[in-house]
C-alpha cells in the first residue's frame, strides 16, 4: 500500500513540475518574440495553455517561436 501511494504521489509531483518548467519556457519565449512585460507574457501563456494544452506540452512551452 505504501508503494502504491508513493507511486501516485511521484507521478503527481513530476507532472506538476514539468508544467511549471514549460510555463517558465513559455514566458521567456513570449518575452523574446513579442518583447512584452512579464505580466503580459504570463497572460499570453495562460491563454495558450488553456486553448491548446496538447500543443503546449508537445512544444514544451515554446509556442510563440514555433508560429
N, C-alpha and C. Protein backbone atom coordinates (compact mmCIF):
# COMPACT_ATOMS: atom_id res chain seq x y z
N UNK A 1 0.82 -1.19 0.00
CA UNK A 1 0.00 0.00 0.00
C UNK A 1 0.87 1.26 0.00
N UNK A 2 1.96 1.24 0.74
CA UNK A 2 2.84 2.40 0.78
C UNK A 2 3.48 2.65 -0.58
N UNK A 3 3.84 1.58 -1.28
CA UNK A 3 4.44 1.73 -2.61
C UNK A 3 3.45 2.37 -3.58
N UNK A 4 2.22 1.93 -3.51
CA UNK A 4 1.19 2.47 -4.39
C UNK A 4 1.00 3.96 -4.13
N UNK A 5 0.91 4.34 -2.88
CA UNK A 5 0.76 5.75 -2.52
C UNK A 5 1.96 6.56 -2.99
N UNK A 6 3.15 6.03 -2.83
CA UNK A 6 4.37 6.70 -3.26
C UNK A 6 4.39 6.89 -4.78
N UNK A 7 3.96 5.89 -5.52
CA UNK A 7 3.93 5.98 -6.98
C UNK A 7 2.95 7.07 -7.43
N UNK A 8 1.78 7.09 -6.84
CA UNK A 8 0.78 8.10 -7.19
C UNK A 8 1.29 9.50 -6.87
N UNK A 9 1.88 9.65 -5.71
CA UNK A 9 2.43 10.94 -5.30
C UNK A 9 3.56 11.38 -6.23
N UNK A 10 4.42 10.46 -6.62
CA UNK A 10 5.53 10.77 -7.51
C UNK A 10 5.04 11.22 -8.89
N UNK A 11 4.06 10.53 -9.42
CA UNK A 11 3.51 10.89 -10.73
C UNK A 11 2.90 12.29 -10.67
N UNK A 12 2.16 12.58 -9.63
CA UNK A 12 1.56 13.90 -9.48
C UNK A 12 2.62 14.98 -9.40
N UNK A 13 3.66 14.75 -8.61
CA UNK A 13 4.72 15.72 -8.44
C UNK A 13 5.48 15.96 -9.74
N UNK A 14 5.82 14.91 -10.45
CA UNK A 14 6.56 15.05 -11.69
C UNK A 14 5.75 15.76 -12.76
N UNK A 15 4.46 15.49 -12.81
CA UNK A 15 3.60 16.14 -13.79
C UNK A 15 3.51 17.63 -13.51
N UNK A 16 3.31 17.99 -12.26
CA UNK A 16 3.19 19.41 -11.94
C UNK A 16 4.51 20.15 -12.14
N UNK A 17 5.63 19.52 -11.89
CA UNK A 17 6.93 20.16 -12.10
C UNK A 17 7.19 20.43 -13.58
N UNK A 18 6.85 19.48 -14.43
CA UNK A 18 7.10 19.69 -15.86
C UNK A 18 6.21 20.81 -16.40
N UNK A 19 4.99 20.93 -15.89
CA UNK A 19 4.12 22.02 -16.33
C UNK A 19 4.70 23.37 -15.93
N UNK A 20 5.27 23.46 -14.73
CA UNK A 20 5.88 24.71 -14.28
C UNK A 20 7.09 25.07 -15.14
N UNK A 21 7.89 24.09 -15.48
CA UNK A 21 9.05 24.34 -16.34
C UNK A 21 8.59 24.81 -17.71
N UNK A 22 7.56 24.17 -18.25
CA UNK A 22 7.04 24.56 -19.55
C UNK A 22 6.47 25.97 -19.50
N UNK A 23 5.84 26.33 -18.39
CA UNK A 23 5.28 27.67 -18.26
C UNK A 23 6.39 28.72 -18.22
N UNK A 24 7.47 28.41 -17.52
CA UNK A 24 8.62 29.33 -17.50
C UNK A 24 9.20 29.48 -18.90
N UNK A 25 9.31 28.37 -19.63
CA UNK A 25 9.79 28.42 -21.01
C UNK A 25 8.89 29.31 -21.86
N UNK A 26 7.60 29.19 -21.64
CA UNK A 26 6.64 29.96 -22.41
C UNK A 26 6.79 31.45 -22.14
N UNK A 27 6.93 31.83 -20.89
CA UNK A 27 7.08 33.24 -20.55
C UNK A 27 8.35 33.81 -21.17
N UNK A 28 9.44 33.08 -21.07
CA UNK A 28 10.69 33.53 -21.69
C UNK A 28 10.54 33.66 -23.20
N UNK A 29 9.87 32.70 -23.81
CA UNK A 29 9.66 32.70 -25.25
C UNK A 29 8.81 33.88 -25.68
N UNK A 30 7.73 34.15 -24.96
CA UNK A 30 6.84 35.27 -25.30
C UNK A 30 7.56 36.60 -25.16
N UNK A 31 8.37 36.72 -24.12
CA UNK A 31 9.12 37.98 -23.93
C UNK A 31 10.14 38.18 -25.06
N UNK A 32 10.78 37.10 -25.48
CA UNK A 32 11.78 37.20 -26.54
C UNK A 32 11.14 37.50 -27.90
N UNK A 33 10.02 36.86 -28.19
CA UNK A 33 9.40 37.01 -29.51
C UNK A 33 8.63 38.33 -29.62
N UNK A 34 7.83 38.65 -28.59
CA UNK A 34 6.97 39.84 -28.66
C UNK A 34 7.53 41.05 -27.94
N UNK A 35 8.51 40.87 -27.08
CA UNK A 35 9.09 41.99 -26.35
C UNK A 35 8.12 42.63 -25.37
N UNK A 36 7.29 41.82 -24.72
CA UNK A 36 6.30 42.33 -23.77
C UNK A 36 6.79 42.16 -22.34
N UNK A 37 6.07 42.75 -21.40
CA UNK A 37 6.42 42.60 -19.99
C UNK A 37 6.15 41.18 -19.52
N UNK A 38 6.67 40.85 -18.36
CA UNK A 38 6.49 39.50 -17.82
C UNK A 38 5.03 39.21 -17.52
N UNK A 39 4.29 40.21 -17.06
CA UNK A 39 2.87 40.03 -16.76
C UNK A 39 2.05 39.69 -17.99
N UNK A 40 2.29 40.44 -19.08
CA UNK A 40 1.57 40.17 -20.33
C UNK A 40 1.98 38.82 -20.90
N UNK A 41 3.26 38.50 -20.79
CA UNK A 41 3.73 37.20 -21.29
C UNK A 41 3.06 36.06 -20.53
N UNK A 42 2.91 36.22 -19.22
CA UNK A 42 2.25 35.19 -18.41
C UNK A 42 0.79 35.05 -18.81
N UNK A 43 0.14 36.16 -19.12
CA UNK A 43 -1.25 36.12 -19.56
C UNK A 43 -1.37 35.39 -20.90
N UNK A 44 -0.47 35.71 -21.83
CA UNK A 44 -0.48 35.02 -23.12
C UNK A 44 -0.27 33.51 -22.94
N UNK A 45 0.62 33.15 -22.03
CA UNK A 45 0.91 31.73 -21.80
C UNK A 45 -0.26 31.01 -21.16
N UNK A 46 -0.94 31.67 -20.24
CA UNK A 46 -2.13 31.06 -19.63
C UNK A 46 -3.18 30.78 -20.68
N UNK A 47 -3.42 31.74 -21.56
CA UNK A 47 -4.41 31.56 -22.61
C UNK A 47 -4.00 30.45 -23.57
N UNK A 48 -2.75 30.42 -23.92
CA UNK A 48 -2.26 29.38 -24.83
C UNK A 48 -2.37 28.00 -24.20
N UNK A 49 -2.04 27.91 -22.93
CA UNK A 49 -2.10 26.62 -22.23
C UNK A 49 -3.54 26.12 -22.12
N UNK A 50 -4.49 27.04 -21.92
CA UNK A 50 -5.90 26.65 -21.81
C UNK A 50 -6.48 26.25 -23.17
N UNK A 51 -6.11 26.99 -24.21
CA UNK A 51 -6.67 26.72 -25.54
C UNK A 51 -6.08 25.49 -26.20
N UNK A 52 -4.77 25.33 -26.07
CA UNK A 52 -4.07 24.25 -26.77
C UNK A 52 -3.17 23.47 -25.81
N UNK A 53 -3.73 22.72 -24.87
CA UNK A 53 -2.89 22.04 -23.88
C UNK A 53 -1.95 21.00 -24.48
N UNK A 54 -2.39 20.29 -25.51
CA UNK A 54 -1.52 19.28 -26.12
C UNK A 54 -0.35 19.92 -26.85
N UNK A 55 -0.63 20.99 -27.58
CA UNK A 55 0.42 21.71 -28.30
C UNK A 55 1.41 22.32 -27.31
N UNK A 56 0.89 22.84 -26.20
CA UNK A 56 1.72 23.46 -25.17
C UNK A 56 2.71 22.45 -24.60
N UNK A 57 2.23 21.24 -24.31
CA UNK A 57 3.11 20.21 -23.76
C UNK A 57 4.07 19.68 -24.82
N UNK A 58 3.59 19.52 -26.04
CA UNK A 58 4.43 18.99 -27.11
C UNK A 58 5.61 19.92 -27.41
N UNK A 59 5.36 21.21 -27.42
CA UNK A 59 6.40 22.19 -27.73
C UNK A 59 7.17 22.61 -26.47
N UNK A 60 6.83 22.03 -25.34
CA UNK A 60 7.48 22.31 -24.06
C UNK A 60 7.42 23.79 -23.72
N UNK A 61 6.28 24.40 -24.04
CA UNK A 61 6.04 25.79 -23.69
C UNK A 61 6.52 26.81 -24.70
N UNK A 62 7.28 26.41 -25.68
CA UNK A 62 7.81 27.39 -26.65
C UNK A 62 6.87 27.53 -27.83
N UNK A 63 5.67 28.00 -27.54
CA UNK A 63 4.63 28.07 -28.55
C UNK A 63 4.74 29.30 -29.44
N UNK A 64 5.34 30.36 -28.97
CA UNK A 64 5.39 31.59 -29.76
C UNK A 64 6.49 31.59 -30.81
N UNK A 65 7.60 30.97 -30.52
CA UNK A 65 8.67 30.92 -31.52
C UNK A 65 8.40 29.87 -32.60
N UNK A 66 7.42 29.00 -32.37
CA UNK A 66 7.12 27.97 -33.37
C UNK A 66 6.10 28.46 -34.39
N UNK A 67 5.51 29.61 -34.18
CA UNK A 67 4.48 30.12 -35.10
C UNK A 67 5.07 30.72 -36.34
